[in-house]
PDB file of N, CA and C in Angstrom:
ATOM      1  N   UNK A   1     266.595 136.070-173.960  1.00  0.00           N
ATOM      2  CA  UNK A   1     267.372 134.887-173.693  1.00  0.00           C
ATOM      3  C   UNK A   1     268.682 134.975-174.470  1.00  0.00           C
ATOM      4  N   UNK A   2     269.739 134.575-173.820  1.00  0.00           N
ATOM      5  CA  UNK A   2     271.056 134.563-174.438  1.00  0.00           C
ATOM      6  C   UNK A   2     271.438 133.135-174.796  1.00  0.00           C
ATOM      7  N   UNK A   3     272.291 132.972-175.767  1.00  0.00           N
ATOM      8  CA  UNK A   3     272.744 131.654-176.191  1.00  0.00           C
ATOM      9  C   UNK A   3     273.376 130.898-175.028  1.00  0.00           C
ATOM     10  N   UNK A   4     274.127 131.604-174.209  1.00  0.00           N
ATOM     11  CA  UNK A   4     274.802 130.957-173.074  1.00  0.00           C
ATOM     12  C   UNK A   4     273.774 130.344-172.120  1.00  0.00           C
ATOM     13  N   UNK A   5     272.665 131.032-171.884  1.00  0.00           N
ATOM     14  CA  UNK A   5     271.626 130.497-171.015  1.00  0.00           C
ATOM     15  C   UNK A   5     271.083 129.189-171.585  1.00  0.00           C
ATOM     16  N   UNK A   6     270.883 129.153-172.876  1.00  0.00           N
ATOM     17  CA  UNK A   6     270.386 127.952-173.516  1.00  0.00           C
ATOM     18  C   UNK A   6     271.379 126.804-173.380  1.00  0.00           C
ATOM     19  N   UNK A   7     272.661 127.112-173.483  1.00  0.00           N
ATOM     20  CA  UNK A   7     273.695 126.089-173.300  1.00  0.00           C
ATOM     21  C   UNK A   7     273.624 125.489-171.893  1.00  0.00           C
ATOM     22  N   UNK A   8     273.429 126.338-170.885  1.00  0.00           N
ATOM     23  CA  UNK A   8     273.320 125.849-169.522  1.00  0.00           C
ATOM     24  C   UNK A   8     272.087 124.961-169.371  1.00  0.00           C
ATOM     25  N   UNK A   9     270.956 125.408-169.904  1.00  0.00           N
ATOM     26  CA  UNK A   9     269.711 124.634-169.812  1.00  0.00           C
ATOM     27  C   UNK A   9     269.891 123.272-170.470  1.00  0.00           C
ATOM     28  N   UNK A  10     270.461 123.250-171.652  1.00  0.00           N
ATOM     29  CA  UNK A  10     270.647 121.988-172.362  1.00  0.00           C
ATOM     30  C   UNK A  10     271.602 121.051-171.626  1.00  0.00           C
ATOM     31  N   UNK A  11     272.657 121.601-171.059  1.00  0.00           N
ATOM     32  CA  UNK A  11     273.608 120.772-170.338  1.00  0.00           C
ATOM     33  C   UNK A  11     272.975 120.175-169.091  1.00  0.00           C
ATOM     34  N   UNK A  12     272.208 120.962-168.350  1.00  0.00           N
ATOM     35  CA  UNK A  12     271.504 120.427-167.175  1.00  0.00           C
ATOM     36  C   UNK A  12     270.527 119.344-167.615  1.00  0.00           C
ATOM     37  N   UNK A  13     269.829 119.565-168.704  1.00  0.00           N
ATOM     38  CA  UNK A  13     268.870 118.574-169.199  1.00  0.00           C
ATOM     39  C   UNK A  13     269.570 117.280-169.604  1.00  0.00           C
ATOM     40  N   UNK A  14     270.729 117.387-170.210  1.00  0.00           N
ATOM     41  CA  UNK A  14     271.476 116.189-170.613  1.00  0.00           C
ATOM     42  C   UNK A  14     272.037 115.441-169.418  1.00  0.00           C
ATOM     43  N   UNK A  15     272.566 116.179-168.458  1.00  0.00           N
ATOM     44  CA  UNK A  15     273.203 115.557-167.286  1.00  0.00           C
ATOM     45  C   UNK A  15     272.194 115.131-166.220  1.00  0.00           C
ATOM     46  N   UNK A  16     271.015 115.764-166.230  1.00  0.00           N
ATOM     47  CA  UNK A  16     269.982 115.506-165.213  1.00  0.00           C
ATOM     48  C   UNK A  16     270.483 115.793-163.805  1.00  0.00           C
ATOM     49  N   UNK A  17     271.438 116.730-163.715  1.00  0.00           N
ATOM     50  CA  UNK A  17     272.054 117.029-162.422  1.00  0.00           C
ATOM     51  C   UNK A  17     272.800 118.354-162.532  1.00  0.00           C
ATOM     52  N   UNK A  18     272.507 119.286-161.639  1.00  0.00           N
ATOM     53  CA  UNK A  18     273.147 120.605-161.695  1.00  0.00           C
ATOM     54  C   UNK A  18     274.653 120.525-161.445  1.00  0.00           C
ATOM     55  N   UNK A  19     275.082 119.716-160.477  1.00  0.00           N
ATOM     56  CA  UNK A  19     276.515 119.640-160.167  1.00  0.00           C
ATOM     57  C   UNK A  19     277.292 119.059-161.339  1.00  0.00           C
ATOM     58  N   UNK A  20     276.784 117.981-161.920  1.00  0.00           N
ATOM     59  CA  UNK A  20     277.477 117.378-163.066  1.00  0.00           C
ATOM     60  C   UNK A  20     277.496 118.328-164.260  1.00  0.00           C
ATOM     61  N   UNK A  21     276.423 119.061-164.454  1.00  0.00           N
ATOM     62  CA  UNK A  21     276.396 120.050-165.534  1.00  0.00           C
ATOM     63  C   UNK A  21     277.464 121.117-165.284  1.00  0.00           C
ATOM     64  N   UNK A  22     277.575 121.559-164.042  1.00  0.00           N
ATOM     65  CA  UNK A  22     278.578 122.568-163.696  1.00  0.00           C
ATOM     66  C   UNK A  22     279.986 122.033-163.948  1.00  0.00           C
ATOM     67  N   UNK A  23     280.233 120.800-163.537  1.00  0.00           N
ATOM     68  CA  UNK A  23     281.551 120.196-163.764  1.00  0.00           C
ATOM     69  C   UNK A  23     281.858 120.104-165.256  1.00  0.00           C
ATOM     70  N   UNK A  24     280.885 119.697-166.027  1.00  0.00           N
ATOM     71  CA  UNK A  24     281.067 119.563-167.479  1.00  0.00           C
ATOM     72  C   UNK A  24     281.348 120.907-168.139  1.00  0.00           C
ATOM     73  N   UNK A  25     280.732 121.971-167.618  1.00  0.00           N
ATOM     74  CA  UNK A  25     280.921 123.296-168.200  1.00  0.00           C
ATOM     75  C   UNK A  25     282.082 124.062-167.555  1.00  0.00           C
ATOM     76  N   UNK A  26     282.711 123.437-166.560  1.00  0.00           N
ATOM     77  CA  UNK A  26     283.851 124.043-165.866  1.00  0.00           C
ATOM     78  C   UNK A  26     283.478 125.356-165.181  1.00  0.00           C
ATOM     79  N   UNK A  27     282.320 125.342-164.518  1.00  0.00           N
ATOM     80  CA  UNK A  27     281.851 126.497-163.748  1.00  0.00           C
ATOM     81  C   UNK A  27     281.334 125.995-162.412  1.00  0.00           C
ATOM     82  N   UNK A  28     281.005 126.916-161.521  1.00  0.00           N
ATOM     83  CA  UNK A  28     280.452 126.516-160.231  1.00  0.00           C
ATOM     84  C   UNK A  28     278.983 126.140-160.380  1.00  0.00           C
ATOM     85  N   UNK A  29     278.511 125.341-159.448  1.00  0.00           N
ATOM     86  CA  UNK A  29     277.103 124.958-159.445  1.00  0.00           C
ATOM     87  C   UNK A  29     276.225 126.199-159.284  1.00  0.00           C
ATOM     88  N   UNK A  30     276.695 127.141-158.508  1.00  0.00           N
ATOM     89  CA  UNK A  30     275.967 128.393-158.313  1.00  0.00           C
ATOM     90  C   UNK A  30     275.811 129.134-159.646  1.00  0.00           C
ATOM     91  N   UNK A  31     276.846 129.129-160.452  1.00  0.00           N
ATOM     92  CA  UNK A  31     276.771 129.789-161.761  1.00  0.00           C
ATOM     93  C   UNK A  31     275.703 129.160-162.640  1.00  0.00           C
ATOM     94  N   UNK A  32     275.598 127.847-162.593  1.00  0.00           N
ATOM     95  CA  UNK A  32     274.576 127.165-163.384  1.00  0.00           C
ATOM     96  C   UNK A  32     273.194 127.621-162.921  1.00  0.00           C
ATOM     97  N   UNK A  33     272.985 127.617-161.614  1.00  0.00           N
ATOM     98  CA  UNK A  33     271.697 128.044-161.080  1.00  0.00           C
ATOM     99  C   UNK A  33     271.350 129.471-161.462  1.00  0.00           C
ATOM    100  N   UNK A  34     272.336 130.334-161.424  1.00  0.00           N
ATOM    101  CA  UNK A  34     272.103 131.739-161.777  1.00  0.00           C
ATOM    102  C   UNK A  34     271.797 131.903-163.266  1.00  0.00           C
ATOM    103  N   UNK A  35     272.408 131.084-164.084  1.00  0.00           N
ATOM    104  CA  UNK A  35     272.203 131.211-165.530  1.00  0.00           C
ATOM    105  C   UNK A  35     270.881 130.622-165.991  1.00  0.00           C
ATOM    106  N   UNK A  36     270.232 129.862-165.139  1.00  0.00           N
ATOM    107  CA  UNK A  36     268.942 129.287-165.515  1.00  0.00           C
ATOM    108  C   UNK A  36     267.862 130.342-165.279  1.00  0.00           C
ATOM    109  N   UNK A  37     268.191 131.568-165.561  1.00  0.00           N
ATOM    110  CA  UNK A  37     267.235 132.673-165.449  1.00  0.00           C
ATOM    111  C   UNK A  37     266.100 132.534-166.449  1.00  0.00           C
ATOM    112  N   UNK A  38     266.298 131.718-167.428  1.00  0.00           N
ATOM    113  CA  UNK A  38     265.284 131.508-168.449  1.00  0.00           C
ATOM    114  C   UNK A  38     263.962 131.105-167.801  1.00  0.00           C
ATOM    115  N   UNK A  39     264.044 130.361-166.722  1.00  0.00           N
ATOM    116  CA  UNK A  39     262.822 129.956-166.012  1.00  0.00           C
ATOM    117  C   UNK A  39     262.040 131.180-165.548  1.00  0.00           C
ATOM    118  N   UNK A  40     262.739 132.139-165.012  1.00  0.00           N
ATOM    119  CA  UNK A  40     262.065 133.356-164.548  1.00  0.00           C
ATOM    120  C   UNK A  40     261.479 134.150-165.707  1.00  0.00           C
ATOM    121  N   UNK A  41     262.199 134.201-166.800  1.00  0.00           N
ATOM    122  CA  UNK A  41     261.711 134.925-167.971  1.00  0.00           C
ATOM    123  C   UNK A  41     260.450 134.280-168.539  1.00  0.00           C
ATOM    124  N   UNK A  42     260.405 132.946-168.494  1.00  0.00           N
ATOM    125  CA  UNK A  42     259.246 132.228-169.009  1.00  0.00           C
ATOM    126  C   UNK A  42     258.109 132.163-167.989  1.00  0.00           C
ATOM    127  N   UNK A  43     258.463 132.336-166.727  1.00  0.00           N
ATOM    128  CA  UNK A  43     257.457 132.237-165.672  1.00  0.00           C
ATOM    129  C   UNK A  43     257.048 130.804-165.382  1.00  0.00           C
ATOM    130  N   UNK A  44     257.929 129.855-165.708  1.00  0.00           N
ATOM    131  CA  UNK A  44     257.631 128.439-165.484  1.00  0.00           C
ATOM    132  C   UNK A  44     258.917 127.683-165.189  1.00  0.00           C
ATOM    133  N   UNK A  45     258.804 126.667-164.362  1.00  0.00           N
ATOM    134  CA  UNK A  45     259.961 125.831-164.042  1.00  0.00           C
ATOM    135  C   UNK A  45     260.271 124.914-165.220  1.00  0.00           C
ATOM    136  N   UNK A  46     261.530 124.820-165.587  1.00  0.00           N
ATOM    137  CA  UNK A  46     261.947 123.923-166.655  1.00  0.00           C
ATOM    138  C   UNK A  46     262.425 122.594-166.097  1.00  0.00           C
ATOM    139  N   UNK A  47     262.796 122.591-164.809  1.00  0.00           N
ATOM    140  CA  UNK A  47     263.338 121.402-164.181  1.00  0.00           C
ATOM    141  C   UNK A  47     262.613 121.110-162.883  1.00  0.00           C
ATOM    142  N   UNK A  48     262.387 119.841-162.614  1.00  0.00           N
ATOM    143  CA  UNK A  48     261.855 119.411-161.320  1.00  0.00           C
ATOM    144  C   UNK A  48     263.062 119.186-160.425  1.00  0.00           C
ATOM    145  N   UNK A  49     263.171 119.970-159.387  1.00  0.00           N
ATOM    146  CA  UNK A  49     264.330 119.870-158.504  1.00  0.00           C
ATOM    147  C   UNK A  49     264.025 118.926-157.347  1.00  0.00           C
ATOM    148  N   UNK A  50     264.980 118.031-157.098  1.00  0.00           N
ATOM    149  CA  UNK A  50     264.889 117.130-155.969  1.00  0.00           C
ATOM    150  C   UNK A  50     266.130 117.311-155.127  1.00  0.00           C
ATOM    151  N   UNK A  51     266.127 116.756-153.951  1.00  0.00           N
ATOM    152  CA  UNK A  51     267.286 116.891-153.059  1.00  0.00           C
ATOM    153  C   UNK A  51     268.549 116.360-153.724  1.00  0.00           C
ATOM    154  N   UNK A  52     268.464 115.265-154.469  1.00  0.00           N
ATOM    155  CA  UNK A  52     269.644 114.699-155.107  1.00  0.00           C
ATOM    156  C   UNK A  52     270.198 115.586-156.214  1.00  0.00           C
ATOM    157  N   UNK A  53     269.372 116.450-156.779  1.00  0.00           N
ATOM    158  CA  UNK A  53     269.839 117.340-157.850  1.00  0.00           C
ATOM    159  C   UNK A  53     270.783 118.407-157.336  1.00  0.00           C
ATOM    160  N   UNK A  54     270.809 118.648-156.044  1.00  0.00           N
ATOM    161  CA  UNK A  54     271.642 119.714-155.471  1.00  0.00           C
ATOM    162  C   UNK A  54     272.890 119.177-154.806  1.00  0.00           C
ATOM    163  N   UNK A  55     273.175 117.906-154.922  1.00  0.00           N
ATOM    164  CA  UNK A  55     274.374 117.331-154.298  1.00  0.00           C
ATOM    165  C   UNK A  55     275.546 117.369-155.217  1.00  0.00           C
TER     166      UNK A  55
END
């Protein structure tokens, strides 16, 4: 795990929304999703995704 990945995870957790987290970090929403690789490394979902989380 890299520090940057942790920053993305924490920002998504604070914002409760991938798009808002991306805006806050000045990156694309796709970049946020790609950086949440930590989920794959852990083998578990860290976030419950709903339709509203992807808007």
